[in-house]
Amino acid sequence: VRGAALKLGQMISLQDPETVPAGLLEIFERVRQSADFMPLKQVDKQMTASFGSDWRSRFASFEERPFAAASIGQ
């Protein structure tokens, strides 16, 4: 799940249990905790477009696997 659907699921997961059935909140909580991260190939393409083909030399280090992911940006 990505984009607007992910954001909607995340917002629903934060609702008061009295307004959304507990079973649905559990499902949406899993959605909130499982945001996908951008594939490395896509990261490389974007970084190359933004900083040039030698973009890695501009950073002291670069972790290929993110420690967290979000639906809005990484």
PDB file of N, CA and C in Angstrom:
ATOM      1  N   VAL A   1       0.860  -1.171   0.000  1.00  0.00           N
ATOM      2  CA  VAL A   1       0.000   0.000   0.000  1.00  0.00           C
ATOM      3  C   VAL A   1       0.903   1.229   0.000  1.00  0.00           C
ATOM      4  N   ARG A   2       0.569   2.184  -0.870  1.00  0.00           N
ATOM      5  CA  ARG A   2       1.380   3.398  -0.974  1.00  0.00           C
ATOM      6  C   ARG A   2       0.482   4.606  -1.180  1.00  0.00           C
ATOM      7  N   GLY A   3       1.079   5.774  -1.072  1.00  0.00           N
ATOM      8  CA  GLY A   3       0.401   7.016  -1.418  1.00  0.00           C
ATOM      9  C   GLY A   3      -0.805   7.337  -0.561  1.00  0.00           C
ATOM     10  N   ALA A   4      -1.861   7.788  -1.237  1.00  0.00           N
ATOM     11  CA  ALA A   4      -3.061   8.254  -0.536  1.00  0.00           C
ATOM     12  C   ALA A   4      -3.726   7.143   0.267  1.00  0.00           C
ATOM     13  N   ALA A   5      -3.738   5.919  -0.260  1.00  0.00           N
ATOM     14  CA  ALA A   5      -4.357   4.809   0.474  1.00  0.00           C
ATOM     15  C   ALA A   5      -3.618   4.544   1.782  1.00  0.00           C
ATOM     16  N   LEU A   6      -2.301   4.596   1.746  1.00  0.00           N
ATOM     17  CA  LEU A   6      -1.512   4.412   2.960  1.00  0.00           C
ATOM     18  C   LEU A   6      -1.787   5.528   3.956  1.00  0.00           C
ATOM     19  N   LYS A   7      -1.802   6.761   3.480  1.00  0.00           N
ATOM     20  CA  LYS A   7      -2.047   7.902   4.365  1.00  0.00           C
ATOM     21  C   LYS A   7      -3.426   7.792   5.012  1.00  0.00           C
ATOM     22  N   LEU A   8      -4.439   7.403   4.245  1.00  0.00           N
ATOM     23  CA  LEU A   8      -5.789   7.235   4.789  1.00  0.00           C
ATOM     24  C   LEU A   8      -5.800   6.153   5.867  1.00  0.00           C
ATOM     25  N   GLY A   9      -5.162   5.023   5.595  1.00  0.00           N
ATOM     26  CA  GLY A   9      -5.082   3.952   6.584  1.00  0.00           C
ATOM     27  C   GLY A   9      -4.381   4.393   7.851  1.00  0.00           C
ATOM     28  N   GLN A  10      -3.312   5.165   7.699  1.00  0.00           N
ATOM     29  CA  GLN A  10      -2.588   5.673   8.863  1.00  0.00           C
ATOM     30  C   GLN A  10      -3.460   6.613   9.685  1.00  0.00           C
ATOM     31  N   MET A  11      -4.210   7.468   9.021  1.00  0.00           N
ATOM     32  CA  MET A  11      -5.080   8.414   9.737  1.00  0.00           C
ATOM     33  C   MET A  11      -6.192   7.679  10.481  1.00  0.00           C
ATOM     34  N   ILE A  12      -6.774   6.667   9.840  1.00  0.00           N
ATOM     35  CA  ILE A  12      -7.844   5.905  10.492  1.00  0.00           C
ATOM     36  C   ILE A  12      -7.299   5.174  11.716  1.00  0.00           C
ATOM     37  N   SER A  13      -6.060   4.688  11.638  1.00  0.00           N
ATOM     38  CA  SER A  13      -5.489   3.932  12.756  1.00  0.00           C
ATOM     39  C   SER A  13      -5.334   4.778  14.013  1.00  0.00           C
ATOM     40  N   LEU A  14      -5.340   6.086  13.872  1.00  0.00           N
ATOM     41  CA  LEU A  14      -5.161   6.982  15.017  1.00  0.00           C
ATOM     42  C   LEU A  14      -6.477   7.450  15.633  1.00  0.00           C
ATOM     43  N   GLN A  15      -7.604   6.959  15.118  1.00  0.00           N
ATOM     44  CA  GLN A  15      -8.910   7.409  15.590  1.00  0.00           C
ATOM     45  C   GLN A  15      -9.264   6.809  16.946  1.00  0.00           C
ATOM     46  N   ASP A  16     -10.204   7.438  17.602  1.00  0.00           N
ATOM     47  CA  ASP A  16     -10.726   6.980  18.888  1.00  0.00           C
ATOM     48  C   ASP A  16     -11.421   5.631  18.695  1.00  0.00           C
ATOM     49  N   PRO A  17     -11.123   4.641  19.538  1.00  0.00           N
ATOM     50  CA  PRO A  17     -11.756   3.328  19.418  1.00  0.00           C
ATOM     51  C   PRO A  17     -13.285   3.368  19.484  1.00  0.00           C
ATOM     52  N   GLU A  18     -13.850   4.443  20.016  1.00  0.00           N
ATOM     53  CA  GLU A  18     -15.306   4.545  20.079  1.00  0.00           C
ATOM     54  C   GLU A  18     -15.907   4.936  18.734  1.00  0.00           C
ATOM     55  N   THR A  19     -15.100   5.468  17.822  1.00  0.00           N
ATOM     56  CA  THR A  19     -15.625   5.883  16.517  1.00  0.00           C
ATOM     57  C   THR A  19     -15.351   4.861  15.419  1.00  0.00           C
ATOM     58  N   VAL A  20     -14.368   3.992  15.624  1.00  0.00           N
ATOM     59  CA  VAL A  20     -14.019   2.966  14.638  1.00  0.00           C
ATOM     60  C   VAL A  20     -13.950   1.631  15.379  1.00  0.00           C
ATOM     61  N   PRO A  21     -14.589   0.577  14.839  1.00  0.00           N
ATOM     62  CA  PRO A  21     -14.547  -0.726  15.506  1.00  0.00           C
ATOM     63  C   PRO A  21     -13.109  -1.208  15.752  1.00  0.00           C
ATOM     64  N   ALA A  22     -12.905  -1.874  16.887  1.00  0.00           N
ATOM     65  CA  ALA A  22     -11.569  -2.320  17.300  1.00  0.00           C
ATOM     66  C   ALA A  22     -10.896  -3.185  16.239  1.00  0.00           C
ATOM     67  N   GLY A  23     -11.654  -4.061  15.585  1.00  0.00           N
ATOM     68  CA  GLY A  23     -11.082  -4.922  14.549  1.00  0.00           C
ATOM     69  C   GLY A  23     -10.487  -4.126  13.407  1.00  0.00           C
ATOM     70  N   LEU A  24     -11.188  -3.075  13.001  1.00  0.00           N
ATOM     71  CA  LEU A  24     -10.673  -2.219  11.929  1.00  0.00           C
ATOM     72  C   LEU A  24      -9.442  -1.448  12.383  1.00  0.00           C
ATOM     73  N   LEU A  25      -9.458  -0.981  13.623  1.00  0.00           N
ATOM     74  CA  LEU A  25      -8.290  -0.257  14.136  1.00  0.00           C
ATOM     75  C   LEU A  25      -7.044  -1.142  14.125  1.00  0.00           C
ATOM     76  N   GLU A  26      -7.208  -2.431  14.452  1.00  0.00           N
ATOM     77  CA  GLU A  26      -6.070  -3.352  14.428  1.00  0.00           C
ATOM     78  C   GLU A  26      -5.515  -3.494  13.020  1.00  0.00           C
ATOM     79  N   ILE A  27      -6.402  -3.610  12.037  1.00  0.00           N
ATOM     80  CA  ILE A  27      -5.978  -3.724  10.637  1.00  0.00           C
ATOM     81  C   ILE A  27      -5.240  -2.467  10.209  1.00  0.00           C
ATOM     82  N   PHE A  28      -5.812  -1.312  10.508  1.00  0.00           N
ATOM     83  CA  PHE A  28      -5.195  -0.058  10.093  1.00  0.00           C
ATOM     84  C   PHE A  28      -3.907   0.237  10.862  1.00  0.00           C
ATOM     85  N   GLU A  29      -3.776  -0.282  12.067  1.00  0.00           N
ATOM     86  CA  GLU A  29      -2.522  -0.144  12.813  1.00  0.00           C
ATOM     87  C   GLU A  29      -1.410  -0.893  12.083  1.00  0.00           C
ATOM     88  N   ARG A  30      -1.726  -2.088  11.559  1.00  0.00           N
ATOM     89  CA  ARG A  30      -0.728  -2.831  10.777  1.00  0.00           C
ATOM     90  C   ARG A  30      -0.340  -2.048   9.530  1.00  0.00           C
ATOM     91  N   VAL A  31      -1.321  -1.396   8.897  1.00  0.00           N
ATOM     92  CA  VAL A  31      -1.034  -0.559   7.724  1.00  0.00           C
ATOM     93  C   VAL A  31      -0.089   0.567   8.127  1.00  0.00           C
ATOM     94  N   ARG A  32      -0.366   1.194   9.256  1.00  0.00           N
ATOM     95  CA  ARG A  32       0.445   2.322   9.719  1.00  0.00           C
ATOM     96  C   ARG A  32       1.888   1.901   9.981  1.00  0.00           C
ATOM     97  N   GLN A  33       2.079   0.685  10.450  1.00  0.00           N
ATOM     98  CA  GLN A  33       3.418   0.213  10.802  1.00  0.00           C
ATOM     99  C   GLN A  33       4.185  -0.395   9.624  1.00  0.00           C
ATOM    100  N   SER A  34       3.541  -0.514   8.448  1.00  0.00           N
ATOM    101  CA  SER A  34       4.188  -1.249   7.355  1.00  0.00           C
ATOM    102  C   SER A  34       4.422  -0.413   6.105  1.00  0.00           C
ATOM    103  N   ALA A  35       4.769   0.838   6.245  1.00  0.00           N
ATOM    104  CA  ALA A  35       5.058   1.672   5.074  1.00  0.00           C
ATOM    105  C   ALA A  35       6.269   1.104   4.335  1.00  0.00           C
ATOM    106  N   ASP A  36       6.141   0.949   3.020  1.00  0.00           N
ATOM    107  CA  ASP A  36       7.249   0.458   2.201  1.00  0.00           C
ATOM    108  C   ASP A  36       8.270   1.564   1.986  1.00  0.00           C
ATOM    109  N   PHE A  37       9.525   1.174   1.877  1.00  0.00           N
ATOM    110  CA  PHE A  37      10.550   2.163   1.571  1.00  0.00           C
ATOM    111  C   PHE A  37      10.806   2.189   0.066  1.00  0.00           C
ATOM    112  N   MET A  38      11.389   3.268  -0.394  1.00  0.00           N
ATOM    113  CA  MET A  38      11.674   3.445  -1.816  1.00  0.00           C
ATOM    114  C   MET A  38      12.737   2.430  -2.246  1.00  0.00           C
ATOM    115  N   PRO A  39      12.496   1.694  -3.345  1.00  0.00           N
ATOM    116  CA  PRO A  39      13.499   0.736  -3.826  1.00  0.00           C
ATOM    117  C   PRO A  39      14.819   1.441  -4.167  1.00  0.00           C
ATOM    118  N   LEU A  40      15.940   0.758  -3.909  1.00  0.00           N
ATOM    119  CA  LEU A  40      17.260   1.351  -4.118  1.00  0.00           C
ATOM    120  C   LEU A  40      17.451   1.826  -5.558  1.00  0.00           C
ATOM    121  N   LYS A  41      16.924   1.092  -6.513  1.00  0.00           N
ATOM    122  CA  LYS A  41      17.045   1.500  -7.919  1.00  0.00           C
ATOM    123  C   LYS A  41      16.385   2.867  -8.144  1.00  0.00           C
ATOM    124  N   GLN A  42      15.247   3.076  -7.523  1.00  0.00           N
ATOM    125  CA  GLN A  42      14.538   4.351  -7.636  1.00  0.00           C
ATOM    126  C   GLN A  42      15.295   5.462  -6.897  1.00  0.00           C
ATOM    127  N   VAL A  43      15.857   5.135  -5.740  1.00  0.00           N
ATOM    128  CA  VAL A  43      16.660   6.109  -4.989  1.00  0.00           C
ATOM    129  C   VAL A  43      17.847   6.552  -5.838  1.00  0.00           C
ATOM    130  N   ASP A  44      18.542   5.579  -6.434  1.00  0.00           N
ATOM    131  CA  ASP A  44      19.706   5.899  -7.255  1.00  0.00           C
ATOM    132  C   ASP A  44      19.320   6.784  -8.437  1.00  0.00           C
ATOM    133  N   LYS A  45      18.209   6.472  -9.072  1.00  0.00           N
ATOM    134  CA  LYS A  45      17.747   7.274 -10.215  1.00  0.00           C
ATOM    135  C   LYS A  45      17.462   8.718  -9.788  1.00  0.00           C
ATOM    136  N   GLN A  46      16.784   8.885  -8.651  1.00  0.00           N
ATOM    137  CA  GLN A  46      16.448  10.220  -8.170  1.00  0.00           C
ATOM    138  C   GLN A  46      17.689  10.995  -7.729  1.00  0.00           C
ATOM    139  N   MET A  47      18.576  10.322  -7.019  1.00  0.00           N
ATOM    140  CA  MET A  47      19.800  10.984  -6.561  1.00  0.00           C
ATOM    141  C   MET A  47      20.676  11.385  -7.747  1.00  0.00           C
ATOM    142  N   THR A  48      20.752  10.538  -8.766  1.00  0.00           N
ATOM    143  CA  THR A  48      21.520  10.862  -9.970  1.00  0.00           C
ATOM    144  C   THR A  48      20.916  12.071 -10.669  1.00  0.00           C
ATOM    145  N   ALA A  49      19.593  12.107 -10.760  1.00  0.00           N
ATOM    146  CA  ALA A  49      18.917  13.250 -11.389  1.00  0.00           C
ATOM    147  C   ALA A  49      19.153  14.539 -10.598  1.00  0.00           C
ATOM    148  N   SER A  50      19.203  14.433  -9.283  1.00  0.00           N
ATOM    149  CA  SER A  50      19.360  15.618  -8.434  1.00  0.00           C
ATOM    150  C   SER A  50      20.808  16.077  -8.269  1.00  0.00           C
ATOM    151  N   PHE A  51      21.748  15.118  -8.154  1.00  0.00           N
ATOM    152  CA  PHE A  51      23.127  15.459  -7.807  1.00  0.00           C
ATOM    153  C   PHE A  51      24.173  15.031  -8.834  1.00  0.00           C
ATOM    154  N   GLY A  52      23.760  14.333  -9.886  1.00  0.00           N
ATOM    155  CA  GLY A  52      24.712  13.854 -10.890  1.00  0.00           C
ATOM    156  C   GLY A  52      25.130  12.415 -10.632  1.00  0.00           C
ATOM    157  N   SER A  53      25.784  11.823 -11.617  1.00  0.00           N
ATOM    158  CA  SER A  53      26.142  10.406 -11.526  1.00  0.00           C
ATOM    159  C   SER A  53      27.153  10.106 -10.416  1.00  0.00           C
ATOM    160  N   ASP A  54      27.880  11.106  -9.959  1.00  0.00           N
ATOM    161  CA  ASP A  54      28.848  10.908  -8.876  1.00  0.00           C
ATOM    162  C   ASP A  54      28.276  11.291  -7.508  1.00  0.00           C
ATOM    163  N   TRP A  55      26.966  11.187  -7.364  1.00  0.00           N
ATOM    164  CA  TRP A  55      26.306  11.668  -6.148  1.00  0.00           C
ATOM    165  C   TRP A  55      26.850  11.028  -4.876  1.00  0.00           C
ATOM    166  N   ARG A  56      27.265   9.779  -4.927  1.00  0.00           N
ATOM    167  CA  ARG A  56      27.766   9.111  -3.708  1.00  0.00           C
ATOM    168  C   ARG A  56      29.023   9.797  -3.164  1.00  0.00           C
ATOM    169  N   SER A  57      29.820  10.384  -4.042  1.00  0.00           N
ATOM    170  CA  SER A  57      31.053  11.050  -3.590  1.00  0.00           C
ATOM    171  C   SER A  57      30.755  12.343  -2.823  1.00  0.00           C
ATOM    172  N   ARG A  58      29.529  12.814  -2.896  1.00  0.00           N
ATOM    173  CA  ARG A  58      29.141  14.046  -2.207  1.00  0.00           C
ATOM    174  C   ARG A  58      28.739  13.813  -0.747  1.00  0.00           C
ATOM    175  N   PHE A  59      28.644  12.545  -0.361  1.00  0.00           N
ATOM    176  CA  PHE A  59      28.210  12.188   0.991  1.00  0.00           C
ATOM    177  C   PHE A  59      29.300  11.392   1.692  1.00  0.00           C
ATOM    178  N   ALA A  60      29.464  11.627   2.973  1.00  0.00           N
ATOM    179  CA  ALA A  60      30.444  10.875   3.761  1.00  0.00           C
ATOM    180  C   ALA A  60      30.036   9.407   3.856  1.00  0.00           C
ATOM    181  N   SER A  61      28.731   9.158   3.946  1.00  0.00           N
ATOM    182  CA  SER A  61      28.213   7.788   3.978  1.00  0.00           C
ATOM    183  C   SER A  61      26.776   7.802   3.480  1.00  0.00           C
ATOM    184  N   PHE A  62      26.307   6.649   3.069  1.00  0.00           N
ATOM    185  CA  PHE A  62      24.932   6.530   2.593  1.00  0.00           C
ATOM    186  C   PHE A  62      24.440   5.130   2.912  1.00  0.00           C
ATOM    187  N   GLU A  63      23.425   5.034   3.764  1.00  0.00           N
ATOM    188  CA  GLU A  63      22.839   3.742   4.119  1.00  0.00           C
ATOM    189  C   GLU A  63      21.830   3.351   3.047  1.00  0.00           C
ATOM    190  N   GLU A  64      22.020   2.200   2.442  1.00  0.00           N
ATOM    191  CA  GLU A  64      21.120   1.781   1.372  1.00  0.00           C
ATOM    192  C   GLU A  64      19.766   1.329   1.896  1.00  0.00           C
ATOM    193  N   ARG A  65      19.735   0.834   3.107  1.00  0.00           N
ATOM    194  CA  ARG A  65      18.455   0.409   3.692  1.00  0.00           C
ATOM    195  C   ARG A  65      18.058   1.435   4.748  1.00  0.00           C
ATOM    196  N   PRO A  66      16.892   2.063   4.581  1.00  0.00           N
ATOM    197  CA  PRO A  66      16.476   3.093   5.543  1.00  0.00           C
ATOM    198  C   PRO A  66      16.129   2.492   6.906  1.00  0.00           C
ATOM    199  N   PHE A  67      16.285   3.281   7.951  1.00  0.00           N
ATOM    200  CA  PHE A  67      15.897   2.824   9.286  1.00  0.00           C
ATOM    201  C   PHE A  67      14.412   3.028   9.522  1.00  0.00           C
ATOM    202  N   ALA A  68      13.756   3.820   8.665  1.00  0.00           N
ATOM    203  CA  ALA A  68      12.317   4.060   8.766  1.00  0.00           C
ATOM    204  C   ALA A  68      11.794   4.474   7.398  1.00  0.00           C
ATOM    205  N   ALA A  69      10.489   4.390   7.235  1.00  0.00           N
ATOM    206  CA  ALA A  69       9.851   4.808   5.986  1.00  0.00           C
ATOM    207  C   ALA A  69       8.573   5.560   6.320  1.00  0.00           C
ATOM    208  N   ALA A  70       8.177   6.442   5.429  1.00  0.00           N
ATOM    209  CA  ALA A  70       6.962   7.230   5.615  1.00  0.00           C
ATOM    210  C   ALA A  70       6.232   7.345   4.290  1.00  0.00           C
ATOM    211  N   SER A  71       4.962   7.666   4.371  1.00  0.00           N
ATOM    212  CA  SER A  71       4.178   7.764   3.145  1.00  0.00           C
ATOM    213  C   SER A  71       4.393   9.076   2.413  1.00  0.00           C
ATOM    214  N   ILE A  72       4.884  10.095   3.087  1.00  0.00           N
ATOM    215  CA  ILE A  72       5.063  11.412   2.471  1.00  0.00           C
ATOM    216  C   ILE A  72       6.447  11.550   1.854  1.00  0.00           C
ATOM    217  N   GLY A  73       7.475  11.120   2.524  1.00  0.00           N
ATOM    218  CA  GLY A  73       8.825  11.252   1.993  1.00  0.00           C
ATOM    219  C   GLY A  73       9.829  10.526   2.850  1.00  0.00           C
ATOM    220  N   GLN A  74      11.004  10.336   2.301  1.00  0.00           N
ATOM    221  CA  GLN A  74      12.049   9.633   3.035  1.00  0.00           C
ATOM    222  C   GLN A  74      13.225  10.543   3.221  1.00  0.00           C
TER     223      GLN A  74
END
